[in-house]
Amino acid sequence: MKLTVVSAGLSTPSSTRLLADRLADAARDELADQGHTVSIEIVELRALAADIAHHFVTGFAPPRLAAAIDAVTGADGLIAVTPVFTASYSGLFKSFFDVIAPDALTGQPALVAATGGTARHSLVLEHALRPLFAYLRAAVVPTAVYAASEDWGSGGDEYTDGLPGRIRRAGGELAALMVARPQRAEPEDDITALERQLADLRFD
């Protein structure tokens, strides 16, 4: 199975990338427990900012951006993590998904997450991220993960799961959707397609 992780963090090191990595590890561990192997590809949008702008101006994706788009649209599962800017996802995050065809993520299992300085922005998951991926027709898991600065190292309390618990639950939900999704058949090459058409012909 292929799992693609999109991180829109701008700094190095980045709490956004850290959250993305932990979510990917949780999904991979759950899949491994079920006997599945998974390859993980990380797409760092910070390195693609100029290519994304170029695509908007010319209508053509440079090679690195085209490879990133293929990694996202061809994956069995997607994790998308953004920092919160002005109470929503970052412009870089939105711009990347703007260059993906609206139906390219149809039915794809997806986990959305965000990072911010304060818990007051946690509703960004529901009023911005979830509607975006609903528009793209992805199958978003029930648990979205928000990590404020104070969440790192927090174990939660009797009423609320801490960040590690939410990460594990979200990773498990993504793994379950990836396993349940029918595997897509490899596309036929031209010769195989022609042979199939000839075999279907009737000469009576």
Protein backbone atom coordinates (compact mmCIF):
# COMPACT_ATOMS: atom_id res chain seq x y z
CA MET A 1 0.00 0.00 0.00
CA LYS A 2 1.06 3.57 -0.65
CA LEU A 3 0.52 6.33 1.89
CA THR A 4 1.28 9.93 0.90
CA VAL A 5 1.79 12.63 3.51
CA VAL A 6 1.40 16.31 2.60
CA SER A 7 2.98 18.77 5.03
CA ALA A 8 2.55 22.53 4.59
CA GLY A 9 4.92 23.55 7.38
CA LEU A 10 7.21 26.47 6.55
CA SER A 11 9.89 26.29 9.23
CA THR A 12 12.66 23.79 9.91
CA PRO A 13 12.08 22.00 12.21
CA SER A 14 8.32 22.20 11.86
CA SER A 15 5.60 21.13 14.30
CA THR A 16 3.41 20.53 11.23
CA ARG A 17 5.92 18.04 9.85
CA LEU A 18 6.30 16.45 13.28
CA LEU A 19 2.55 15.89 13.52
CA ALA A 20 2.47 14.54 9.96
CA ASP A 21 5.23 12.05 10.77
CA ARG A 22 3.50 10.83 13.93
CA LEU A 23 0.21 10.33 12.11
CA ALA A 24 1.99 8.39 9.35
CA ASP A 25 3.72 6.20 11.94
CA ALA A 26 0.38 5.47 13.64
CA ALA A 27 -1.26 4.43 10.35
CA ARG A 28 1.76 2.32 9.35
CA ASP A 29 1.85 0.57 12.74
CA GLU A 30 -1.86 -0.27 12.52
CA LEU A 31 -1.46 -1.61 8.99
CA ALA A 32 1.56 -3.66 10.06
CA ASP A 33 -0.47 -5.17 12.91
CA GLN A 34 -2.96 -6.32 10.26
CA GLY A 35 -0.22 -7.88 8.13
CA HIS A 36 0.03 -5.11 5.52
CA THR A 37 3.16 -3.34 4.37
CA VAL A 38 3.04 0.32 3.42
CA SER A 39 5.43 2.68 1.69
CA ILE A 40 5.27 6.30 2.84
CA GLU A 41 6.07 9.30 0.64
CA ILE A 42 6.40 12.78 2.15
CA VAL A 43 5.45 15.84 0.10
CA GLU A 44 6.89 19.03 1.63
CA LEU A 45 4.99 21.93 0.09
CA ARG A 46 7.60 24.46 1.23
CA ALA A 47 9.95 23.10 -1.43
CA LEU A 48 7.24 23.33 -4.10
CA ALA A 49 6.04 26.91 -3.52
CA ALA A 50 7.67 28.34 -6.66
CA ASP A 51 6.50 25.39 -8.80
CA ILE A 52 2.91 25.84 -7.60
CA ALA A 53 3.01 29.54 -8.52
CA HIS A 54 4.49 28.64 -11.91
CA HIS A 55 1.63 26.21 -12.52
CA PHE A 56 -0.96 28.92 -11.86
CA VAL A 57 0.72 31.26 -14.37
CA THR A 58 1.47 28.77 -17.16
CA GLY A 59 -1.06 25.99 -16.62
CA PHE A 60 1.73 23.39 -16.66
CA ALA A 61 3.20 21.57 -13.66
CA PRO A 62 7.02 21.49 -13.45
CA PRO A 63 8.44 17.98 -12.98
CA ARG A 64 8.75 18.11 -9.16
CA LEU A 65 5.19 19.35 -8.77
CA ALA A 66 3.88 16.80 -11.27
CA ALA A 67 5.59 14.04 -9.27
CA ALA A 68 4.02 15.34 -6.04
CA ILE A 69 0.56 15.43 -7.63
CA ASP A 70 1.02 11.87 -8.89
CA ALA A 71 2.12 10.78 -5.39
CA VAL A 72 -1.06 12.24 -3.89
CA THR A 73 -3.56 11.09 -6.51
CA GLY A 74 -2.02 7.62 -6.84
CA ALA A 75 -1.89 6.84 -3.12
CA ASP A 76 -4.06 4.37 -1.23
CA GLY A 77 -4.28 6.83 1.63
CA LEU A 78 -3.54 10.50 2.26
CA ILE A 79 -2.52 12.49 5.33
CA ALA A 80 -2.75 16.27 4.89
CA VAL A 81 -1.43 18.62 7.59
CA THR A 82 -1.35 22.42 7.56
CA PRO A 83 -0.43 25.17 9.99
CA VAL A 84 -3.27 27.56 10.82
CA PHE A 85 -2.96 30.97 9.16
CA THR A 86 -5.64 33.63 9.74
CA ALA A 87 -8.03 31.06 11.23
CA SER A 88 -7.84 28.74 8.22
CA TYR A 89 -5.46 26.51 6.25
CA SER A 90 -2.38 28.17 4.79
CA GLY A 91 -2.44 29.68 1.31
CA LEU A 92 0.31 27.30 0.20
CA PHE A 93 -1.75 24.30 1.35
CA LYS A 94 -4.87 25.50 -0.48
CA SER A 95 -2.89 26.38 -3.62
CA PHE A 96 -1.46 22.88 -3.84
CA PHE A 97 -4.87 21.24 -3.69
CA ASP A 98 -6.20 23.82 -6.17
CA VAL A 99 -3.90 22.39 -8.86
CA ILE A 100 -5.25 18.86 -8.33
CA ALA A 101 -8.20 17.86 -10.52
CA PRO A 102 -11.47 18.07 -8.53
CA ASP A 103 -12.27 14.36 -9.02
CA ALA A 104 -8.73 12.99 -8.60
CA LEU A 105 -9.21 12.16 -4.91
CA THR A 106 -12.67 10.60 -5.24
CA GLY A 107 -13.08 7.88 -2.62
CA GLN A 108 -9.50 8.20 -1.39
CA PRO A 109 -9.12 7.63 2.37
CA ALA A 110 -7.81 10.86 3.92
CA LEU A 111 -6.82 12.09 7.34
CA VAL A 112 -6.73 15.86 7.95
CA ALA A 113 -4.79 17.63 10.68
CA ALA A 114 -3.57 21.07 11.65
CA THR A 115 -1.18 22.80 14.02
CA GLY A 116 -1.48 26.17 15.74
CA GLY A 117 -0.32 28.22 18.65
CA THR A 118 -3.57 28.02 20.59
CA ALA A 119 -6.45 25.59 20.96
CA ARG A 120 -8.88 28.37 20.00
CA HIS A 121 -8.20 27.61 16.33
CA SER A 122 -9.08 23.91 16.56
CA LEU A 123 -12.39 24.40 14.72
CA VAL A 124 -10.37 24.99 11.55
CA LEU A 125 -10.60 21.22 11.12
CA GLU A 126 -14.37 21.36 10.76
CA HIS A 127 -15.01 24.71 9.07
CA ALA A 128 -12.12 24.65 6.59
CA LEU A 129 -10.27 21.35 6.15
CA ARG A 130 -13.17 18.90 6.21
CA PRO A 131 -15.27 20.92 3.69
CA LEU A 132 -12.27 21.22 1.36
CA PHE A 133 -11.76 17.46 1.20
CA ALA A 134 -15.49 16.82 1.01
CA TYR A 135 -15.48 19.00 -2.12
CA LEU A 136 -12.60 16.89 -3.48
CA ARG A 137 -14.75 13.80 -2.74
CA ALA A 138 -12.18 12.18 -0.48
CA ALA A 139 -13.31 9.78 2.27
CA VAL A 140 -12.19 11.71 5.36
CA VAL A 141 -11.82 9.70 8.59
CA PRO A 142 -14.00 10.75 11.55
CA THR A 143 -11.10 11.83 13.76
CA ALA A 144 -9.29 14.97 12.63
CA VAL A 145 -6.27 15.99 14.71
CA TYR A 146 -5.40 19.49 15.90
CA ALA A 147 -2.21 20.12 17.84
CA ALA A 148 -1.79 23.37 19.74
CA SER A 149 1.51 24.27 21.35
CA GLU A 150 0.33 23.04 24.75
CA ASP A 151 -0.77 19.68 23.33
CA TRP A 152 2.76 18.40 22.79
CA GLY A 153 3.59 16.20 25.74
CA SER A 154 0.03 16.33 27.10
CA GLY A 155 -1.56 13.07 28.18
CA GLY A 156 -5.09 14.44 28.31
CA ASP A 157 -7.48 13.96 31.20
CA GLU A 158 -10.49 11.84 32.18
CA TYR A 159 -12.69 13.69 29.67
CA THR A 160 -10.39 14.27 26.70
CA ASP A 161 -7.76 12.17 24.92
CA GLY A 162 -4.32 13.67 24.80
CA LEU A 163 -2.54 14.24 21.50
CA PRO A 164 -0.91 10.76 21.42
CA GLY A 165 -4.31 9.10 21.88
CA ARG A 166 -5.91 11.18 19.14
CA ILE A 167 -3.03 10.38 16.81
CA ARG A 168 -3.40 6.66 17.44
CA ARG A 169 -7.17 6.76 16.91
CA ALA A 170 -6.92 8.77 13.68
CA GLY A 171 -4.15 6.54 12.33
CA GLY A 172 -6.23 3.46 13.09
CA GLU A 173 -9.25 4.91 11.30
CA LEU A 174 -7.17 5.74 8.23
CA ALA A 175 -5.65 2.25 8.17
CA ALA A 176 -9.13 0.69 8.38
CA LEU A 177 -10.36 2.73 5.41
CA MET A 178 -7.27 1.90 3.38
CA VAL A 179 -7.78 -1.81 3.98
CA ALA A 180 -11.50 -1.64 3.20
CA ARG A 181 -11.07 0.32 -0.04
CA PRO A 182 -11.06 -1.93 -3.14
CA GLN A 183 -7.62 -2.06 -4.69
CA ARG A 184 -7.46 -0.32 -8.04
CA ALA A 185 -6.41 -2.45 -10.98
CA GLU A 186 -3.29 -1.46 -12.86
CA PRO A 187 -4.18 0.32 -16.11
CA GLU A 188 -3.88 -1.81 -19.23
CA ASP A 189 -1.30 -0.87 -21.81
CA ASP A 190 -2.41 -0.28 -25.41
CA ILE A 191 -1.47 -3.78 -26.60
CA THR A 192 -3.36 -5.51 -23.78
CA ALA A 193 -6.42 -3.36 -24.41
CA LEU A 194 -6.29 -4.17 -28.14
CA GLU A 195 -5.98 -7.89 -27.44
CA ARG A 196 -9.03 -7.71 -25.17
CA GLN A 197 -11.05 -5.93 -27.87
CA LEU A 198 -10.06 -8.53 -30.49
CA ALA A 199 -11.00 -11.37 -28.15
CA ASP A 200 -14.44 -9.86 -27.72
CA LEU A 201 -15.12 -9.74 -31.46
CA ARG A 202 -17.49 -12.39 -32.85
CA PHE A 203 -17.02 -13.65 -36.35
CA ASP A 204 -20.15 -15.87 -36.76
